[in-house]
PDB file of N, CA and C in Angstrom:
ATOM      1  N   MET A   1       9.138  -4.512   8.245  1.00  0.00           N
ATOM      2  CA  MET A   1       7.994  -3.922   7.594  1.00  0.00           C
ATOM      3  C   MET A   1       6.750  -4.686   8.054  1.00  0.00           C
ATOM      4  N   PRO A   2       5.687  -3.975   8.446  1.00  0.00           N
ATOM      5  CA  PRO A   2       4.469  -4.662   8.863  1.00  0.00           C
ATOM      6  C   PRO A   2       3.877  -5.498   7.736  1.00  0.00           C
ATOM      7  N   GLN A   3       3.227  -6.583   8.106  1.00  0.00           N
ATOM      8  CA  GLN A   3       2.550  -7.448   7.142  1.00  0.00           C
ATOM      9  C   GLN A   3       1.136  -7.713   7.627  1.00  0.00           C
ATOM     10  N   THR A   4       0.218  -7.832   6.675  1.00  0.00           N
ATOM     11  CA  THR A   4      -1.169  -8.133   6.973  1.00  0.00           C
ATOM     12  C   THR A   4      -1.644  -9.212   6.011  1.00  0.00           C
ATOM     13  N   SER A   5      -2.336 -10.196   6.533  1.00  0.00           N
ATOM     14  CA  SER A   5      -2.943 -11.219   5.685  1.00  0.00           C
ATOM     15  C   SER A   5      -4.234 -10.648   5.111  1.00  0.00           C
ATOM     16  N   VAL A   6      -4.367 -10.726   3.796  1.00  0.00           N
ATOM     17  CA  VAL A   6      -5.542 -10.195   3.104  1.00  0.00           C
ATOM     18  C   VAL A   6      -6.209 -11.334   2.353  1.00  0.00           C
ATOM     19  N   GLY A   7      -7.517 -11.452   2.503  1.00  0.00           N
ATOM     20  CA  GLY A   7      -8.265 -12.489   1.814  1.00  0.00           C
ATOM     21  C   GLY A   7      -9.442 -11.900   1.066  1.00  0.00           C
ATOM     22  N   THR A   8     -10.488 -12.689   0.927  1.00  0.00           N
ATOM     23  CA  THR A   8     -11.639 -12.297   0.117  1.00  0.00           C
ATOM     24  C   THR A   8     -12.647 -11.439   0.874  1.00  0.00           C
ATOM     25  N   ILE A   9     -12.344 -11.079   2.107  1.00  0.00           N
ATOM     26  CA  ILE A   9     -13.161 -10.146   2.892  1.00  0.00           C
ATOM     27  C   ILE A   9     -12.299  -8.924   3.171  1.00  0.00           C
ATOM     28  N   GLY A  10     -12.829  -7.737   2.926  1.00  0.00           N
ATOM     29  CA  GLY A  10     -12.065  -6.506   3.099  1.00  0.00           C
ATOM     30  C   GLY A  10     -11.519  -6.329   4.501  1.00  0.00           C
ATOM     31  N   VAL A  11     -10.299  -5.807   4.597  1.00  0.00           N
ATOM     32  CA  VAL A  11      -9.669  -5.533   5.884  1.00  0.00           C
ATOM     33  C   VAL A  11      -9.109  -4.108   5.889  1.00  0.00           C
ATOM     34  N   ALA A  12      -9.168  -3.463   7.056  1.00  0.00           N
ATOM     35  CA  ALA A  12      -8.561  -2.145   7.235  1.00  0.00           C
ATOM     36  C   ALA A  12      -7.053  -2.322   7.350  1.00  0.00           C
ATOM     37  N   ILE A  13      -6.299  -1.500   6.646  1.00  0.00           N
ATOM     38  CA  ILE A  13      -4.843  -1.569   6.698  1.00  0.00           C
ATOM     39  C   ILE A  13      -4.300  -0.458   7.591  1.00  0.00           C
ATOM     40  N   VAL A  14      -4.608   0.789   7.296  1.00  0.00           N
ATOM     41  CA  VAL A  14      -4.183   1.912   8.123  1.00  0.00           C
ATOM     42  C   VAL A  14      -5.339   2.891   8.281  1.00  0.00           C
ATOM     43  N   ASN A  15      -5.395   3.545   9.424  1.00  0.00           N
ATOM     44  CA  ASN A  15      -6.403   4.560   9.695  1.00  0.00           C
ATOM     45  C   ASN A  15      -5.985   5.900   9.108  1.00  0.00           C
ATOM     46  N   GLN A  16      -6.940   6.816   9.057  1.00  0.00           N
ATOM     47  CA  GLN A  16      -6.661   8.167   8.579  1.00  0.00           C
ATOM     48  C   GLN A  16      -5.559   8.773   9.446  1.00  0.00           C
ATOM     49  N   ASN A  17      -4.631   9.515   8.805  1.00  0.00           N
ATOM     50  CA  ASN A  17      -3.512  10.107   9.531  1.00  0.00           C
ATOM     51  C   ASN A  17      -3.041  11.344   8.776  1.00  0.00           C
ATOM     52  N   ALA A  18      -3.291  12.512   9.346  1.00  0.00           N
ATOM     53  CA  ALA A  18      -2.925  13.770   8.686  1.00  0.00           C
ATOM     54  C   ALA A  18      -1.418  13.980   8.619  1.00  0.00           C
ATOM     55  N   GLY A  19      -0.646  13.229   9.390  1.00  0.00           N
ATOM     56  CA  GLY A  19       0.799  13.381   9.386  1.00  0.00           C
ATOM     57  C   GLY A  19       1.517  12.493   8.387  1.00  0.00           C
ATOM     58  N   ARG A  20       0.773  11.635   7.689  1.00  0.00           N
ATOM     59  CA  ARG A  20       1.394  10.694   6.747  1.00  0.00           C
ATOM     60  C   ARG A  20       1.928  11.441   5.533  1.00  0.00           C
ATOM     61  N   LYS A  21       3.216  11.223   5.229  1.00  0.00           N
ATOM     62  CA  LYS A  21       3.863  11.853   4.074  1.00  0.00           C
ATOM     63  C   LYS A  21       3.921  10.918   2.870  1.00  0.00           C
ATOM     64  N   SER A  22       3.966   9.621   3.129  1.00  0.00           N
ATOM     65  CA  SER A  22       3.951   8.642   2.054  1.00  0.00           C
ATOM     66  C   SER A  22       3.623   7.275   2.646  1.00  0.00           C
ATOM     67  N   ILE A  23       3.206   6.369   1.766  1.00  0.00           N
ATOM     68  CA  ILE A  23       2.903   5.008   2.190  1.00  0.00           C
ATOM     69  C   ILE A  23       3.308   4.062   1.060  1.00  0.00           C
ATOM     70  N   PHE A  24       3.805   2.919   1.435  1.00  0.00           N
ATOM     71  CA  PHE A  24       4.293   1.916   0.503  1.00  0.00           C
ATOM     72  C   PHE A  24       3.495   0.640   0.711  1.00  0.00           C
ATOM     73  N   PHE A  25       3.072   0.006  -0.372  1.00  0.00           N
ATOM     74  CA  PHE A  25       2.370  -1.275  -0.317  1.00  0.00           C
ATOM     75  C   PHE A  25       3.071  -2.258  -1.249  1.00  0.00           C
ATOM     76  N   ARG A  26       3.168  -3.522  -0.825  1.00  0.00           N
ATOM     77  CA  ARG A  26       3.752  -4.571  -1.672  1.00  0.00           C
ATOM     78  C   ARG A  26       2.992  -5.871  -1.460  1.00  0.00           C
ATOM     79  N   ASN A  27       2.646  -6.539  -2.570  1.00  0.00           N
ATOM     80  CA  ASN A  27       2.056  -7.870  -2.504  1.00  0.00           C
ATOM     81  C   ASN A  27       3.211  -8.849  -2.319  1.00  0.00           C
ATOM     82  N   GLY A  28       3.343  -9.382  -1.114  1.00  0.00           N
ATOM     83  CA  GLY A  28       4.444 -10.276  -0.801  1.00  0.00           C
ATOM     84  C   GLY A  28       4.179 -11.731  -1.129  1.00  0.00           C
ATOM     85  N   SER A  29       3.091 -12.005  -1.810  1.00  0.00           N
ATOM     86  CA  SER A  29       2.719 -13.384  -2.142  1.00  0.00           C
ATOM     87  C   SER A  29       3.164 -13.770  -3.543  1.00  0.00           C
ATOM     88  N   SER A  30       3.254 -15.072  -3.777  1.00  0.00           N
ATOM     89  CA  SER A  30       3.667 -15.566  -5.092  1.00  0.00           C
ATOM     90  C   SER A  30       2.475 -15.776  -6.027  1.00  0.00           C
ATOM     91  N   SER A  31       1.262 -15.630  -5.508  1.00  0.00           N
ATOM     92  CA  SER A  31       0.064 -15.725  -6.346  1.00  0.00           C
ATOM     93  C   SER A  31      -1.023 -14.859  -5.729  1.00  0.00           C
ATOM     94  N   GLY A  32      -2.021 -14.529  -6.519  1.00  0.00           N
ATOM     95  CA  GLY A  32      -3.133 -13.713  -6.039  1.00  0.00           C
ATOM     96  C   GLY A  32      -2.906 -12.234  -6.277  1.00  0.00           C
ATOM     97  N   THR A  33      -4.008 -11.496  -6.386  1.00  0.00           N
ATOM     98  CA  THR A  33      -3.975 -10.054  -6.592  1.00  0.00           C
ATOM     99  C   THR A  33      -4.624  -9.358  -5.411  1.00  0.00           C
ATOM    100  N   ILE A  34      -3.949  -8.337  -4.893  1.00  0.00           N
ATOM    101  CA  ILE A  34      -4.480  -7.526  -3.798  1.00  0.00           C
ATOM    102  C   ILE A  34      -5.020  -6.235  -4.389  1.00  0.00           C
ATOM    103  N   SER A  35      -6.203  -5.830  -3.952  1.00  0.00           N
ATOM    104  CA  SER A  35      -6.823  -4.582  -4.387  1.00  0.00           C
ATOM    105  C   SER A  35      -6.856  -3.625  -3.198  1.00  0.00           C
ATOM    106  N   LEU A  36      -6.470  -2.373  -3.423  1.00  0.00           N
ATOM    107  CA  LEU A  36      -6.387  -1.348  -2.375  1.00  0.00           C
ATOM    108  C   LEU A  36      -7.186  -0.123  -2.754  1.00  0.00           C
ATOM    109  N   ASP A  37      -7.732   0.561  -1.737  1.00  0.00           N
ATOM    110  CA  ASP A  37      -8.405   1.834  -1.980  1.00  0.00           C
ATOM    111  C   ASP A  37      -8.714   2.509  -0.655  1.00  0.00           C
ATOM    112  N   ASN A  38      -9.176   3.760  -0.759  1.00  0.00           N
ATOM    113  CA  ASN A  38      -9.592   4.540   0.409  1.00  0.00           C
ATOM    114  C   ASN A  38     -11.064   4.302   0.678  1.00  0.00           C
ATOM    115  N   MET A  39     -11.426   3.081   1.032  1.00  0.00           N
ATOM    116  CA  MET A  39     -12.804   2.704   1.326  1.00  0.00           C
ATOM    117  C   MET A  39     -12.841   2.014   2.672  1.00  0.00           C
ATOM    118  N   GLN A  40     -14.012   1.969   3.259  1.00  0.00           N
ATOM    119  CA  GLN A  40     -14.196   1.183   4.469  1.00  0.00           C
ATOM    120  C   GLN A  40     -14.080  -0.289   4.102  1.00  0.00           C
ATOM    121  N   PRO A  41     -13.581  -1.135   5.017  1.00  0.00           N
ATOM    122  CA  PRO A  41     -13.381  -2.557   4.699  1.00  0.00           C
ATOM    123  C   PRO A  41     -14.638  -3.248   4.179  1.00  0.00           C
ATOM    124  N   GLN A  42     -15.809  -2.885   4.699  1.00  0.00           N
ATOM    125  CA  GLN A  42     -17.040  -3.538   4.260  1.00  0.00           C
ATOM    126  C   GLN A  42     -17.493  -3.072   2.873  1.00  0.00           C
ATOM    127  N   ALA A  43     -16.899  -1.984   2.360  1.00  0.00           N
ATOM    128  CA  ALA A  43     -17.309  -1.449   1.058  1.00  0.00           C
ATOM    129  C   ALA A  43     -16.375  -1.840  -0.082  1.00  0.00           C
ATOM    130  N   ILE A  44     -15.155  -2.229   0.240  1.00  0.00           N
ATOM    131  CA  ILE A  44     -14.178  -2.503  -0.816  1.00  0.00           C
ATOM    132  C   ILE A  44     -14.468  -3.843  -1.491  1.00  0.00           C
ATOM    133  N   THR A  45     -14.321  -3.862  -2.807  1.00  0.00           N
ATOM    134  CA  THR A  45     -14.435  -5.102  -3.582  1.00  0.00           C
ATOM    135  C   THR A  45     -13.272  -5.142  -4.571  1.00  0.00           C
ATOM    136  N   THR A  46     -13.028  -6.307  -5.133  1.00  0.00           N
ATOM    137  CA  THR A  46     -11.932  -6.421  -6.105  1.00  0.00           C
ATOM    138  C   THR A  46     -12.244  -5.644  -7.386  1.00  0.00           C
ATOM    139  N   THR A  47     -13.504  -5.352  -7.645  1.00  0.00           N
ATOM    140  CA  THR A  47     -13.849  -4.606  -8.859  1.00  0.00           C
ATOM    141  C   THR A  47     -13.902  -3.100  -8.631  1.00  0.00           C
ATOM    142  N   THR A  48     -14.172  -2.642  -7.403  1.00  0.00           N
ATOM    143  CA  THR A  48     -14.280  -1.203  -7.156  1.00  0.00           C
ATOM    144  C   THR A  48     -12.980  -0.562  -6.701  1.00  0.00           C
ATOM    145  N   ALA A  49     -12.050  -1.342  -6.203  1.00  0.00           N
ATOM    146  CA  ALA A  49     -10.789  -0.785  -5.715  1.00  0.00           C
ATOM    147  C   ALA A  49      -9.955  -0.251  -6.875  1.00  0.00           C
ATOM    148  N   GLY A  50      -9.285   0.870  -6.651  1.00  0.00           N
ATOM    149  CA  GLY A  50      -8.546   1.526  -7.719  1.00  0.00           C
ATOM    150  C   GLY A  50      -7.134   1.034  -7.955  1.00  0.00           C
ATOM    151  N   ILE A  51      -6.527   0.389  -6.967  1.00  0.00           N
ATOM    152  CA  ILE A  51      -5.145  -0.070  -7.098  1.00  0.00           C
ATOM    153  C   ILE A  51      -5.119  -1.588  -7.044  1.00  0.00           C
ATOM    154  N   LYS A  52      -4.454  -2.205  -7.995  1.00  0.00           N
ATOM    155  CA  LYS A  52      -4.319  -3.669  -8.058  1.00  0.00           C
ATOM    156  C   LYS A  52      -2.838  -4.019  -8.008  1.00  0.00           C
ATOM    157  N   LEU A  53      -2.483  -4.942  -7.119  1.00  0.00           N
ATOM    158  CA  LEU A  53      -1.097  -5.391  -7.003  1.00  0.00           C
ATOM    159  C   LEU A  53      -1.027  -6.889  -7.238  1.00  0.00           C
ATOM    160  N   GLY A  54      -0.397  -7.272  -8.338  1.00  0.00           N
ATOM    161  CA  GLY A  54      -0.169  -8.681  -8.603  1.00  0.00           C
ATOM    162  C   GLY A  54       0.971  -9.199  -7.733  1.00  0.00           C
ATOM    163  N   PRO A  55       1.279 -10.478  -7.823  1.00  0.00           N
ATOM    164  CA  PRO A  55       2.342 -11.064  -7.011  1.00  0.00           C
ATOM    165  C   PRO A  55       3.667 -10.314  -7.160  1.00  0.00           C
ATOM    166  N   GLY A  56       4.249  -9.905  -6.019  1.00  0.00           N
ATOM    167  CA  GLY A  56       5.521  -9.199  -6.026  1.00  0.00           C
ATOM    168  C   GLY A  56       5.445  -7.732  -6.408  1.00  0.00           C
ATOM    169  N   SER A  57       4.282  -7.238  -6.833  1.00  0.00           N
ATOM    170  CA  SER A  57       4.140  -5.845  -7.261  1.00  0.00           C
ATOM    171  C   SER A  57       4.086  -4.913  -6.058  1.00  0.00           C
ATOM    172  N   SER A  58       4.490  -3.662  -6.290  1.00  0.00           N
ATOM    173  CA  SER A  58       4.465  -2.682  -5.207  1.00  0.00           C
ATOM    174  C   SER A  58       4.086  -1.317  -5.752  1.00  0.00           C
ATOM    175  N   ILE A  59       3.694  -0.437  -4.830  1.00  0.00           N
ATOM    176  CA  ILE A  59       3.361   0.941  -5.179  1.00  0.00           C
ATOM    177  C   ILE A  59       3.696   1.823  -3.983  1.00  0.00           C
ATOM    178  N   ALA A  60       4.151   3.029  -4.274  1.00  0.00           N
ATOM    179  CA  ALA A  60       4.374   4.035  -3.241  1.00  0.00           C
ATOM    180  C   ALA A  60       3.487   5.228  -3.567  1.00  0.00           C
ATOM    181  N   VAL A  61       2.762   5.720  -2.590  1.00  0.00           N
ATOM    182  CA  VAL A  61       1.943   6.921  -2.732  1.00  0.00           C
ATOM    183  C   VAL A  61       2.674   8.001  -1.929  1.00  0.00           C
ATOM    184  N   ILE A  62       3.069   9.073  -2.602  1.00  0.00           N
ATOM    185  CA  ILE A  62       3.940  10.081  -2.014  1.00  0.00           C
ATOM    186  C   ILE A  62       3.268  11.449  -2.091  1.00  0.00           C
ATOM    187  N   ALA A  63       3.208  12.149  -0.961  1.00  0.00           N
ATOM    188  CA  ALA A  63       2.500  13.425  -0.878  1.00  0.00           C
ATOM    189  C   ALA A  63       2.983  14.429  -1.916  1.00  0.00           C
ATOM    190  N   MET A  64       4.299  14.568  -2.090  1.00  0.00           N
ATOM    191  CA  MET A  64       4.805  15.595  -3.008  1.00  0.00           C
ATOM    192  C   MET A  64       4.502  15.279  -4.471  1.00  0.00           C
ATOM    193  N   LEU A  65       4.179  14.025  -4.784  1.00  0.00           N
ATOM    194  CA  LEU A  65       3.845  13.651  -6.157  1.00  0.00           C
ATOM    195  C   LEU A  65       2.348  13.430  -6.358  1.00  0.00           C
ATOM    196  N   ASP A  66       1.698  12.825  -5.359  1.00  0.00           N
ATOM    197  CA  ASP A  66       0.309  12.390  -5.495  1.00  0.00           C
ATOM    198  C   ASP A  66      -0.697  13.238  -4.717  1.00  0.00           C
ATOM    199  N   GLY A  67      -0.232  14.208  -3.939  1.00  0.00           N
ATOM    200  CA  GLY A  67      -1.112  14.998  -3.104  1.00  0.00           C
ATOM    201  C   GLY A  67      -1.402  14.271  -1.796  1.00  0.00           C
ATOM    202  N   THR A  68      -2.123  14.946  -0.902  1.00  0.00           N
ATOM    203  CA  THR A  68      -2.336  14.382   0.430  1.00  0.00           C
ATOM    204  C   THR A  68      -3.743  13.844   0.669  1.00  0.00           C
ATOM    205  N   ASP A  69      -4.713  14.187  -0.177  1.00  0.00           N
ATOM    206  CA  ASP A  69      -6.100  13.804   0.101  1.00  0.00           C
ATOM    207  C   ASP A  69      -6.261  12.303   0.302  1.00  0.00           C
ATOM    208  N   GLN A  70      -5.976  11.514  -0.701  1.00  0.00           N
ATOM    209  CA  GLN A  70      -6.126  10.069  -0.587  1.00  0.00           C
ATOM    210  C   GLN A  70      -5.044   9.460   0.288  1.00  0.00           C
ATOM    211  N   LEU A  71      -3.846   9.994   0.215  1.00  0.00           N
ATOM    212  CA  LEU A  71      -2.720   9.464   0.976  1.00  0.00           C
ATOM    213  C   LEU A  71      -3.034   9.431   2.464  1.00  0.00           C
ATOM    214  N   GLN A  72      -3.626  10.484   2.981  1.00  0.00           N
ATOM    215  CA  GLN A  72      -3.844  10.597   4.414  1.00  0.00           C
ATOM    216  C   GLN A  72      -5.153   9.969   4.880  1.00  0.00           C
ATOM    217  N   ASP A  73      -6.000   9.522   3.955  1.00  0.00           N
ATOM    218  CA  ASP A  73      -7.234   8.818   4.317  1.00  0.00           C
ATOM    219  C   ASP A  73      -6.926   7.409   4.808  1.00  0.00           C
ATOM    220  N   SER A  74      -7.945   6.732   5.304  1.00  0.00           N
ATOM    221  CA  SER A  74      -7.819   5.322   5.676  1.00  0.00           C
ATOM    222  C   SER A  74      -7.627   4.485   4.415  1.00  0.00           C
ATOM    223  N   TRP A  75      -6.935   3.344   4.545  1.00  0.00           N
ATOM    224  CA  TRP A  75      -6.722   2.422   3.429  1.00  0.00           C
ATOM    225  C   TRP A  75      -7.239   1.049   3.819  1.00  0.00           C
ATOM    226  N   SER A  76      -7.917   0.391   2.882  1.00  0.00           N
ATOM    227  CA  SER A  76      -8.406  -0.974   3.072  1.00  0.00           C
ATOM    228  C   SER A  76      -7.952  -1.827   1.894  1.00  0.00           C
ATOM    229  N   ALA A  77      -7.986  -3.151   2.100  1.00  0.00           N
ATOM    230  CA  ALA A  77      -7.550  -4.073   1.050  1.00  0.00           C
ATOM    231  C   ALA A  77      -8.456  -5.291   1.015  1.00  0.00           C
ATOM    232  N   ILE A  78      -8.472  -5.927  -0.149  1.00  0.00           N
ATOM    233  CA  ILE A  78      -9.172  -7.190  -0.366  1.00  0.00           C
ATOM    234  C   ILE A  78      -8.374  -7.935  -1.438  1.00  0.00           C
ATOM    235  N   ALA A  79      -8.475  -9.244  -1.470  1.00  0.00           N
ATOM    236  CA  ALA A  79      -7.720 -10.020  -2.460  1.00  0.00           C
ATOM    237  C   ALA A  79      -8.602 -11.103  -3.063  1.00  0.00           C
ATOM    238  N   ASP A  80      -8.144 -11.669  -4.173  1.00  0.00           N
ATOM    239  CA  ASP A  80      -8.882 -12.762  -4.810  1.00  0.00           C
ATOM    240  C   ASP A  80      -8.469 -14.120  -4.255  1.00  0.00           C
ATOM    241  N   ALA A  81      -7.474 -14.121  -3.363  1.00  0.00           N
ATOM    242  CA  ALA A  81      -6.998 -15.319  -2.664  1.00  0.00           C
ATOM    243  C   ALA A  81      -6.297 -14.821  -1.403  1.00  0.00           C
ATOM    244  N   THR A  82      -5.900 -15.688  -0.528  1.00  0.00           N
ATOM    245  CA  THR A  82      -5.180 -15.242   0.660  1.00  0.00           C
ATOM    246  C   THR A  82      -3.774 -14.798   0.266  1.00  0.00           C
ATOM    247  N   CYS A  83      -3.457 -13.546   0.554  1.00  0.00           N
ATOM    248  CA  CYS A  83      -2.180 -12.941   0.182  1.00  0.00           C
ATOM    249  C   CYS A  83      -1.576 -12.226   1.389  1.00  0.00           C
ATOM    250  N   THR A  84      -0.299 -11.930   1.283  1.00  0.00           N
ATOM    251  CA  THR A  84       0.391 -11.150   2.308  1.00  0.00           C
ATOM    252  C   THR A  84       0.659  -9.758   1.768  1.00  0.00           C
ATOM    253  N   LEU A  85       0.111  -8.757   2.448  1.00  0.00           N
ATOM    254  CA  LEU A  85       0.352  -7.365   2.087  1.00  0.00           C
ATOM    255  C   LEU A  85       1.401  -6.802   3.035  1.00  0.00           C
ATOM    256  N   GLU A  86       2.502  -6.330   2.468  1.00  0.00           N
ATOM    257  CA  GLU A  86       3.535  -5.639   3.232  1.00  0.00           C
ATOM    258  C   GLU A  86       3.308  -4.147   3.042  1.00  0.00           C
ATOM    259  N   TRP A  87       3.476  -3.376   4.096  1.00  0.00           N
ATOM    260  CA  TRP A  87       3.243  -1.941   3.977  1.00  0.00           C
ATOM    261  C   TRP A  87       4.100  -1.175   4.971  1.00  0.00           C
ATOM    262  N   LYS A  88       4.324   0.091   4.653  1.00  0.00           N
ATOM    263  CA  LYS A  88       5.077   0.958   5.554  1.00  0.00           C
ATOM    264  C   LYS A  88       4.626   2.392   5.346  1.00  0.00           C
ATOM    265  N   GLU A  89       4.415   3.084   6.455  1.00  0.00           N
ATOM    266  CA  GLU A  89       4.061   4.499   6.433  1.00  0.00           C
ATOM    267  C   GLU A  89       5.298   5.330   6.738  1.00  0.00           C
ATOM    268  N   PHE A  90       5.366   6.516   6.133  1.00  0.00           N
ATOM    269  CA  PHE A  90       6.413   7.473   6.450  1.00  0.00           C
ATOM    270  C   PHE A  90       5.741   8.758   6.918  1.00  0.00           C
ATOM    271  N   HIS A  91       6.275   9.341   7.995  1.00  0.00           N
ATOM    272  CA  HIS A  91       5.668  10.541   8.586  1.00  0.00           C
ATOM    273  C   HIS A  91       6.608  11.740   8.573  1.00  0.00           C
ATOM    274  N   GLY A  92       7.633  11.708   7.756  1.00  0.00           N
ATOM    275  CA  GLY A  92       8.597  12.797   7.716  1.00  0.00           C
ATOM    276  C   GLY A  92       9.707  12.556   8.718  1.00  0.00           C
ATOM    277  N   GLY A  93      10.340  13.601   9.158  1.00  0.00           N
ATOM    278  CA  GLY A  93      11.440  13.474  10.104  1.00  0.00           C
ATOM    279  C   GLY A  93      12.774  13.686   9.414  1.00  0.00           C
ATOM    280  N   PRO A  94      13.849  13.638  10.190  1.00  0.00           N
ATOM    281  CA  PRO A  94      15.158  13.988   9.643  1.00  0.00           C
ATOM    282  C   PRO A  94      15.682  13.034   8.570  1.00  0.00           C
ATOM    283  N   PHE A  95      15.257  11.789   8.565  1.00  0.00           N
ATOM    284  CA  PHE A  95      15.761  10.824   7.588  1.00  0.00           C
ATOM    285  C   PHE A  95      14.679  10.390   6.588  1.00  0.00           C
ATOM    286  N   TYR A  96      13.611  11.156   6.502  1.00  0.00           N
ATOM    287  CA  TYR A  96      12.478  10.801   5.642  1.00  0.00           C
ATOM    288  C   TYR A  96      12.908  10.578   4.194  1.00  0.00           C
ATOM    289  N   GLU A  97      13.595  11.547   3.617  1.00  0.00           N
ATOM    290  CA  GLU A  97      13.978  11.452   2.212  1.00  0.00           C
ATOM    291  C   GLU A  97      14.905  10.256   1.971  1.00  0.00           C
ATOM    292  N   GLU A  98      15.854  10.026   2.874  1.00  0.00           N
ATOM    293  CA  GLU A  98      16.785   8.907   2.719  1.00  0.00           C
ATOM    294  C   GLU A  98      16.053   7.565   2.784  1.00  0.00           C
ATOM    295  N   GLU A  99      15.154   7.418   3.751  1.00  0.00           N
ATOM    296  CA  GLU A  99      14.398   6.170   3.880  1.00  0.00           C
ATOM    297  C   GLU A  99      13.518   5.932   2.668  1.00  0.00           C
ATOM    298  N   LEU A 100      12.848   6.987   2.210  1.00  0.00           N
ATOM    299  CA  LEU A 100      11.972   6.876   1.044  1.00  0.00           C
ATOM    300  C   LEU A 100      12.775   6.529  -0.204  1.00  0.00           C
ATOM    301  N   LEU A 101      13.897   7.178  -0.421  1.00  0.00           N
ATOM    302  CA  LEU A 101      14.734   6.898  -1.580  1.00  0.00           C
ATOM    303  C   LEU A 101      15.234   5.452  -1.555  1.00  0.00           C
ATOM    304  N   LYS A 102      15.635   4.974  -0.405  1.00  0.00           N
ATOM    305  CA  LYS A 102      16.094   3.589  -0.262  1.00  0.00           C
ATOM    306  C   LYS A 102      14.978   2.617  -0.643  1.00  0.00           C
ATOM    307  N   LEU A 103      13.766   2.879  -0.161  1.00  0.00           N
ATOM    308  CA  LEU A 103      12.632   2.011  -0.471  1.00  0.00           C
ATOM    309  C   LEU A 103      12.288   2.060  -1.960  1.00  0.00           C
ATOM    310  N   LEU A 104      12.334   3.238  -2.568  1.00  0.00           N
ATOM    311  CA  LEU A 104      12.041   3.359  -3.997  1.00  0.00           C
ATOM    312  C   LEU A 104      13.088   2.624  -4.844  1.00  0.00           C
ATOM    313  N   LYS A 105      14.341   2.664  -4.418  1.00  0.00           N
ATOM    314  CA  LYS A 105      15.393   1.919  -5.136  1.00  0.00           C
ATOM    315  C   LYS A 105      15.160   0.411  -5.023  1.00  0.00           C
ATOM    316  N   GLN A 106      14.704  -0.040  -3.856  1.00  0.00           N
ATOM    317  CA  GLN A 106      14.392  -1.453  -3.686  1.00  0.00           C
ATOM    318  C   GLN A 106      13.236  -1.861  -4.602  1.00  0.00           C
ATOM    319  N   MET A 107      12.223  -0.992  -4.725  1.00  0.00           N
ATOM    320  CA  MET A 107      11.096  -1.252  -5.611  1.00  0.00           C
ATOM    321  C   MET A 107      11.579  -1.358  -7.057  1.00  0.00           C
ATOM    322  N   GLN A 108      12.453  -0.433  -7.459  1.00  0.00           N
ATOM    323  CA  GLN A 108      12.971  -0.421  -8.820  1.00  0.00           C
ATOM    324  C   GLN A 108      13.771  -1.693  -9.099  1.00  0.00           C
ATOM    325  N   LYS A 109      14.608  -2.083  -8.179  1.00  0.00           N
ATOM    326  CA  LYS A 109      15.423  -3.291  -8.342  1.00  0.00           C
ATOM    327  C   LYS A 109      14.538  -4.531  -8.438  1.00  0.00           C
ATOM    328  N   ALA A 110      13.515  -4.604  -7.594  1.00  0.00           N
ATOM    329  CA  ALA A 110      12.614  -5.773  -7.593  1.00  0.00           C
ATOM    330  C   ALA A 110      11.827  -5.872  -8.898  1.00  0.00           C
ATOM    331  N   SER A 111      11.532  -4.707  -9.520  1.00  0.00           N
ATOM    332  CA  SER A 111      10.751  -4.743 -10.761  1.00  0.00           C
ATOM    333  C   SER A 111      11.628  -4.976 -11.981  1.00  0.00           C
ATOM    334  N   GLY A 112      12.950  -4.937 -11.814  1.00  0.00           N
ATOM    335  CA  GLY A 112      13.852  -5.181 -12.925  1.00  0.00           C
ATOM    336  C   GLY A 112      14.045  -4.001 -13.841  1.00  0.00           C
ATOM    337  N   VAL A 113      13.642  -2.804 -13.395  1.00  0.00           N
ATOM    338  CA  VAL A 113      13.771  -1.597 -14.224  1.00  0.00           C
ATOM    339  C   VAL A 113      15.140  -1.011 -14.072  1.00  0.00           C
TER     340      VAL A 113
END
């Protein structure tokens, strides 16, 4: 899974992609909060970003549940400390549902639900 170091200056994570079916983000750090949104890196702040991921937290944005508008836009991140953001895009294909289900089960197991 790709990883990106995120700090107190906004960084671009993924570019706009009309073929994206879902995207997964996880804060792989033991401390710090990562903030995510569909903003340009220079515009994102920890207070304006809509998604917050604490240590070990994750989120999946899925077209069939969340729609495609924000999902397919560019994504940027910023953090309150240096953190590791893990992420993965899914573009469909013959094993799309299986891969997505596997990742969602991993998220559920990690959260203790």
